[in-house]
Each structure stands twice: as C-alpha cells, then as structure tokens.
Amino acid sequence: MLDLAVPVYDKNFSHQEIRSLIEFYQTPLGQKAIATLPKVSAEMQEQGRKWGEDIGRQCMVEVLSEHPELAEALNATQSNTQSANK
C-alpha cells in the first residue's frame, strides 16, 4: 500500500508540506482528525446519498409529470411485472 500511496502524495504535496502534515498529525488536533475524519466522511457520504436520492426522485416526478406517456409506460411495466410474479 505504501508503494501506491507515496507517488500520489509526492505528486500532490511538497517535501515540506509532508513534514508539516506529519507535525500536524502529532498534535492533539491532528490525532482528533485521524480519529474523527473517517466518521465525518462516512456521514457526509450518507448525507450525499440521501440528497442524491431526493434529487433523483424529484427529477423523476418532474419528468413523469411533463411526459404522461412515460408515466403510463412505467405503470404498464410495473403491472406486467407484478402479474408475472404471481
């Protein structure tokens, strides 16, 4: 993993920036960041997923209201699927 990470960090950070990051992560705030950021990232990802679902649902409702023929086709497909599953 180290062989994969070093080139990425090397491309994005100078040697001095890496040294500063190491110093930071040795501080109490840096230690808190190490412990907390994975949880923060996971929460943000979940919020983004929910937001995306809501936007997708709103877009679908808008498209179906503007194109009733699509709504009818969708309903027909759902009816056919339900009939086939019985």
N, C-alpha and C. Protein backbone atom coordinates (compact mmCIF):
# COMPACT_ATOMS: atom_id res chain seq x y z
N MET A 1 0.83 -1.19 0.00
CA MET A 1 0.00 0.00 0.00
C MET A 1 0.88 1.26 0.00
N LEU A 2 1.95 1.19 0.74
CA LEU A 2 2.87 2.33 0.80
C LEU A 2 3.41 2.68 -0.59
N ASP A 3 3.71 1.65 -1.38
CA ASP A 3 4.21 1.87 -2.74
C ASP A 3 3.17 2.57 -3.62
N LEU A 4 1.90 2.39 -3.30
CA LEU A 4 0.84 3.05 -4.05
C LEU A 4 0.62 4.48 -3.57
N ALA A 5 0.74 4.69 -2.25
CA ALA A 5 0.44 5.99 -1.66
C ALA A 5 1.54 7.02 -1.90
N VAL A 6 2.80 6.61 -1.83
CA VAL A 6 3.92 7.56 -1.92
C VAL A 6 3.87 8.38 -3.22
N PRO A 7 3.68 7.77 -4.38
CA PRO A 7 3.64 8.59 -5.61
C PRO A 7 2.48 9.58 -5.62
N VAL A 8 1.35 9.21 -5.05
CA VAL A 8 0.19 10.11 -5.02
C VAL A 8 0.50 11.31 -4.13
N TYR A 9 1.03 11.04 -2.94
CA TYR A 9 1.39 12.14 -2.04
C TYR A 9 2.50 12.98 -2.66
N ASP A 10 3.46 12.34 -3.31
CA ASP A 10 4.58 13.05 -3.93
C ASP A 10 4.09 13.99 -5.03
N LYS A 11 3.07 13.55 -5.75
CA LYS A 11 2.52 14.35 -6.84
C LYS A 11 1.76 15.57 -6.31
N ASN A 12 1.15 15.43 -5.12
CA ASN A 12 0.25 16.46 -4.61
C ASN A 12 0.83 17.34 -3.50
N PHE A 13 1.91 16.91 -2.88
CA PHE A 13 2.49 17.65 -1.76
C PHE A 13 4.00 17.78 -1.93
N SER A 14 4.52 18.93 -1.50
CA SER A 14 5.97 19.10 -1.48
C SER A 14 6.54 18.37 -0.27
N HIS A 15 7.85 18.22 -0.24
CA HIS A 15 8.51 17.57 0.90
C HIS A 15 8.20 18.33 2.19
N GLN A 16 8.25 19.66 2.12
CA GLN A 16 7.98 20.47 3.32
C GLN A 16 6.52 20.32 3.76
N GLU A 17 5.61 20.24 2.83
CA GLU A 17 4.20 20.05 3.19
C GLU A 17 4.00 18.71 3.88
N ILE A 18 4.66 17.67 3.41
CA ILE A 18 4.57 16.36 4.06
C ILE A 18 5.09 16.45 5.49
N ARG A 19 6.22 17.13 5.66
CA ARG A 19 6.78 17.29 7.01
C ARG A 19 5.80 18.04 7.91
N SER A 20 5.15 19.07 7.36
CA SER A 20 4.17 19.84 8.14
C SER A 20 2.95 18.98 8.49
N LEU A 21 2.53 18.15 7.55
CA LEU A 21 1.42 17.23 7.83
C LEU A 21 1.77 16.28 8.96
N ILE A 22 2.98 15.74 8.91
CA ILE A 22 3.43 14.82 9.98
C ILE A 22 3.42 15.54 11.32
N GLU A 23 3.92 16.76 11.34
CA GLU A 23 3.91 17.54 12.59
C GLU A 23 2.49 17.77 13.06
N PHE A 24 1.60 18.13 12.12
CA PHE A 24 0.21 18.36 12.49
C PHE A 24 -0.43 17.12 13.09
N TYR A 25 -0.24 15.99 12.45
CA TYR A 25 -0.88 14.76 12.91
C TYR A 25 -0.32 14.27 14.25
N GLN A 26 0.77 14.86 14.70
CA GLN A 26 1.30 14.53 16.02
C GLN A 26 0.71 15.42 17.11
N THR A 27 -0.04 16.46 16.72
CA THR A 27 -0.68 17.35 17.70
C THR A 27 -1.99 16.73 18.16
N PRO A 28 -2.55 17.24 19.27
CA PRO A 28 -3.86 16.74 19.72
C PRO A 28 -4.95 16.92 18.65
N LEU A 29 -4.96 18.05 17.96
CA LEU A 29 -5.96 18.24 16.91
C LEU A 29 -5.74 17.27 15.76
N GLY A 30 -4.49 17.05 15.40
CA GLY A 30 -4.18 16.09 14.35
C GLY A 30 -4.62 14.69 14.73
N GLN A 31 -4.41 14.31 15.99
CA GLN A 31 -4.85 13.00 16.46
C GLN A 31 -6.37 12.89 16.42
N LYS A 32 -7.05 14.01 16.79
CA LYS A 32 -8.51 14.01 16.72
C LYS A 32 -8.96 13.87 15.27
N ALA A 33 -8.27 14.56 14.36
CA ALA A 33 -8.62 14.47 12.94
C ALA A 33 -8.48 13.04 12.45
N ILE A 34 -7.39 12.37 12.81
CA ILE A 34 -7.19 10.98 12.41
C ILE A 34 -8.33 10.10 12.91
N ALA A 35 -8.75 10.35 14.15
CA ALA A 35 -9.81 9.52 14.75
C ALA A 35 -11.20 9.87 14.23
N THR A 36 -11.41 11.13 13.88
CA THR A 36 -12.76 11.61 13.58
C THR A 36 -13.08 11.67 12.09
N LEU A 37 -12.11 11.99 11.25
CA LEU A 37 -12.40 12.19 9.83
C LEU A 37 -13.01 10.99 9.11
N PRO A 38 -12.64 9.75 9.44
CA PRO A 38 -13.35 8.64 8.78
C PRO A 38 -14.85 8.64 9.08
N LYS A 39 -15.23 8.97 10.32
CA LYS A 39 -16.65 9.03 10.68
C LYS A 39 -17.32 10.21 9.96
N VAL A 40 -16.64 11.36 9.93
CA VAL A 40 -17.18 12.52 9.24
C VAL A 40 -17.38 12.20 7.76
N SER A 41 -16.40 11.56 7.14
CA SER A 41 -16.50 11.20 5.72
C SER A 41 -17.67 10.25 5.48
N ALA A 42 -17.84 9.27 6.36
CA ALA A 42 -18.95 8.32 6.21
C ALA A 42 -20.30 9.03 6.35
N GLU A 43 -20.40 9.94 7.32
CA GLU A 43 -21.65 10.68 7.49
C GLU A 43 -21.93 11.57 6.29
N MET A 44 -20.89 12.22 5.77
CA MET A 44 -21.07 13.07 4.59
C MET A 44 -21.49 12.24 3.38
N GLN A 45 -20.89 11.06 3.23
CA GLN A 45 -21.25 10.18 2.12
C GLN A 45 -22.71 9.76 2.23
N GLU A 46 -23.17 9.43 3.42
CA GLU A 46 -24.57 9.04 3.62
C GLU A 46 -25.51 10.20 3.32
N GLN A 47 -25.14 11.40 3.80
CA GLN A 47 -25.97 12.57 3.51
C GLN A 47 -26.02 12.85 2.01
N GLY A 48 -24.89 12.70 1.33
CA GLY A 48 -24.85 12.88 -0.12
C GLY A 48 -25.70 11.86 -0.84
N ARG A 49 -25.68 10.62 -0.35
CA ARG A 49 -26.51 9.57 -0.95
C ARG A 49 -27.98 9.91 -0.82
N LYS A 50 -28.39 10.34 0.38
CA LYS A 50 -29.79 10.71 0.60
C LYS A 50 -30.19 11.90 -0.26
N TRP A 51 -29.30 12.89 -0.34
CA TRP A 51 -29.56 14.07 -1.15
C TRP A 51 -29.73 13.66 -2.62
N GLY A 52 -28.86 12.80 -3.10
CA GLY A 52 -28.93 12.33 -4.48
C GLY A 52 -30.23 11.58 -4.75
N GLU A 53 -30.64 10.75 -3.80
CA GLU A 53 -31.92 10.04 -3.96
C GLU A 53 -33.08 11.02 -4.05
N ASP A 54 -33.07 12.03 -3.17
CA ASP A 54 -34.16 13.01 -3.18
C ASP A 54 -34.20 13.78 -4.49
N ILE A 55 -33.02 14.22 -4.96
CA ILE A 55 -32.96 14.95 -6.22
C ILE A 55 -33.42 14.05 -7.38
N GLY A 56 -32.98 12.80 -7.37
CA GLY A 56 -33.39 11.86 -8.41
C GLY A 56 -34.89 11.65 -8.42
N ARG A 57 -35.46 11.50 -7.22
CA ARG A 57 -36.91 11.30 -7.11
C ARG A 57 -37.65 12.54 -7.63
N GLN A 58 -37.19 13.73 -7.23
CA GLN A 58 -37.83 14.97 -7.69
C GLN A 58 -37.75 15.09 -9.22
N CYS A 59 -36.60 14.76 -9.77
CA CYS A 59 -36.44 14.82 -11.23
C CYS A 59 -37.37 13.84 -11.93
N MET A 60 -37.48 12.64 -11.38
CA MET A 60 -38.36 11.62 -11.97
C MET A 60 -39.81 12.09 -11.94
N VAL A 61 -40.24 12.66 -10.82
CA VAL A 61 -41.61 13.16 -10.72
C VAL A 61 -41.84 14.26 -11.75
N GLU A 62 -40.86 15.15 -11.88
CA GLU A 62 -41.00 16.23 -12.85
C GLU A 62 -41.07 15.70 -14.28
N VAL A 63 -40.20 14.78 -14.62
CA VAL A 63 -40.19 14.21 -15.98
C VAL A 63 -41.51 13.49 -16.24
N LEU A 64 -41.96 12.70 -15.28
CA LEU A 64 -43.21 11.95 -15.49
C LEU A 64 -44.42 12.89 -15.59
N SER A 65 -44.38 14.02 -14.87
CA SER A 65 -45.50 14.96 -14.97
C SER A 65 -45.49 15.69 -16.31
N GLU A 66 -44.29 15.90 -16.88
CA GLU A 66 -44.18 16.56 -18.17
C GLU A 66 -44.42 15.60 -19.34
N HIS A 67 -44.27 14.31 -19.09
CA HIS A 67 -44.41 13.30 -20.15
C HIS A 67 -45.31 12.16 -19.64
N PRO A 68 -46.62 12.38 -19.66
CA PRO A 68 -47.55 11.38 -19.14
C PRO A 68 -47.43 10.02 -19.84
N GLU A 69 -46.97 10.02 -21.10
CA GLU A 69 -46.82 8.74 -21.80
C GLU A 69 -45.75 7.88 -21.14
N LEU A 70 -44.74 8.51 -20.58
CA LEU A 70 -43.72 7.75 -19.85
C LEU A 70 -44.29 7.18 -18.55
N ALA A 71 -45.12 7.97 -17.88
CA ALA A 71 -45.76 7.50 -16.65
C ALA A 71 -46.65 6.30 -16.95
N GLU A 72 -47.38 6.36 -18.06
CA GLU A 72 -48.25 5.25 -18.44
C GLU A 72 -47.42 4.00 -18.76
N ALA A 73 -46.32 4.18 -19.48
CA ALA A 73 -45.45 3.05 -19.82
C ALA A 73 -44.84 2.43 -18.57
N LEU A 74 -44.45 3.28 -17.63
CA LEU A 74 -43.89 2.79 -16.38
C LEU A 74 -44.93 2.00 -15.59
N ASN A 75 -46.14 2.53 -15.51
CA ASN A 75 -47.23 1.82 -14.81
C ASN A 75 -47.54 0.49 -15.48
N ALA A 76 -47.54 0.46 -16.80
CA ALA A 76 -47.83 -0.78 -17.53
C ALA A 76 -46.73 -1.81 -17.26
N THR A 77 -45.49 -1.37 -17.24
CA THR A 77 -44.38 -2.28 -16.97
C THR A 77 -44.48 -2.84 -15.57
N GLN A 78 -44.81 -1.98 -14.61
CA GLN A 78 -44.96 -2.44 -13.22
C GLN A 78 -46.12 -3.44 -13.10
N SER A 79 -47.21 -3.18 -13.78
CA SER A 79 -48.36 -4.10 -13.75
C SER A 79 -47.98 -5.44 -14.35
N ASN A 80 -47.27 -5.42 -15.48
CA ASN A 80 -46.84 -6.66 -16.12
C ASN A 80 -45.89 -7.45 -15.23
N THR A 81 -44.99 -6.75 -14.56
CA THR A 81 -44.04 -7.41 -13.66
C THR A 81 -44.75 -8.05 -12.48
N GLN A 82 -45.71 -7.33 -11.92
CA GLN A 82 -46.47 -7.87 -10.79
C GLN A 82 -47.29 -9.07 -11.22
N SER A 83 -47.88 -9.03 -12.39
CA SER A 83 -48.68 -10.16 -12.90
C SER A 83 -47.79 -11.38 -13.12
N ALA A 84 -46.60 -11.17 -13.63
CA ALA A 84 -45.68 -12.28 -13.91
C ALA A 84 -45.15 -12.90 -12.63
N ASN A 85 -45.07 -12.14 -11.57
CA ASN A 85 -44.56 -12.66 -10.28
C ASN A 85 -45.62 -13.40 -9.47
N LYS A 86 -46.85 -13.38 -9.90
CA LYS A 86 -47.91 -14.06 -9.13
C LYS A 86 -47.99 -15.51 -9.46
